[in-house]
Amino acid sequence: MTSVRTSAPPHTAGAVESTARRGRLAADLRAVRVLWQREVIRFARNRLRVAMSVIMPMMFLLVFGTGLNAAVPAEQDAFRDFRAFFFPGVLLMAVQAPAMAAGASIVWDRQAGFLRQLLVAPVRRPPLLIGTCLGGATAGLGYAVPVLCLGGLVGVPYRPELMLVLVELALIAFAFTSLGVLVAVCAKRPETFQIVIGLCMMPLLFLSGAVFPASGLPGWLGTVVRVNPLTYAVDALRRTLPGQGVSGLGERAAGPQWWGWTPPVAAEISCVAVLAVAALSVATYRFSRSE
């Protein structure tokens, strides 16, 4: 009596495993696309928020920048136009708020029960955060584009180099979104999220060289500015923006230095990329072990 073979041939088992792997990858990519699309739809439908996100940075630029520019004597050529120096910080402000909104959406989804439905979906958890971060970064870039188009008001010429600025803004928006998602994964309540974001983001922004030069600062202040990752984001934008007007403080607008060495733009962008990857990795680790 012949025995019946119950195990599949090795090549058949490998084909089944490969098919299952492709199926999981397709499900993960579909989850990333859906969550990215969800954040983009939120951005496109909230026209009032889009308008306010453009008005608020421009208020800082035209009111705050013009006021400080008028306070400096005209004969000081080193301070030709403070608004031109402040413009990269305004771009950072335009990117920050909508990117952080992606983290806030996770907190509210947890309160509404939508997050629990996502967790029981037949997809892995890391793609859920990746899709949210990509959607938040896309929304942040969408908010920054109208502000960048108004750069001619402060002497920024419209040249092809602005495409490099858009790439940098996209990376900065992704870093902001990753930080917001990290806080959202750790914070269980909307009130906690708002408090932590307020305590962290505003000091990081004002200590990034957006308002005052990052070089030549005394003592502890200079150290804090140099270790702030957003300092290198602002300096990279300032050095990439075309035109001489963006260095409105002359030599006093020099970027952060370490023992007399000024990091190149590529190194500064790498710091932002490391921040984004680190924040997303920690958020993914915490999210994978959440309920």
Foldseek 3Di string as FASTA:
>chain_A
DDDDDDDDDPVVVVVVVVVVVVVQVVVLVVLLVVLLVVLQVVLVVPVVVLVVLQVVLVCCLPPVQVVVLVVDDCVQQLQPGSSLQLLLLSLLSSLQVLLLVLLLVLLVCLVVVVVVVVVPDPHADLSNLNSSLLNSLVSSLVSSVVSVVPSVVQPQDDDPLVVVVSVLSSLLSSLSNLLSNLLSLVDNHSVSSVVVCVVPVVVLSVLQCSNFAQPPDDDPSNVVNQPRLSVLSSVLSLVSGDDPSSSSSPPRNDGRDDPNHDDDNVVSSVSSNVSSVVSSVSSSVSNNPDD
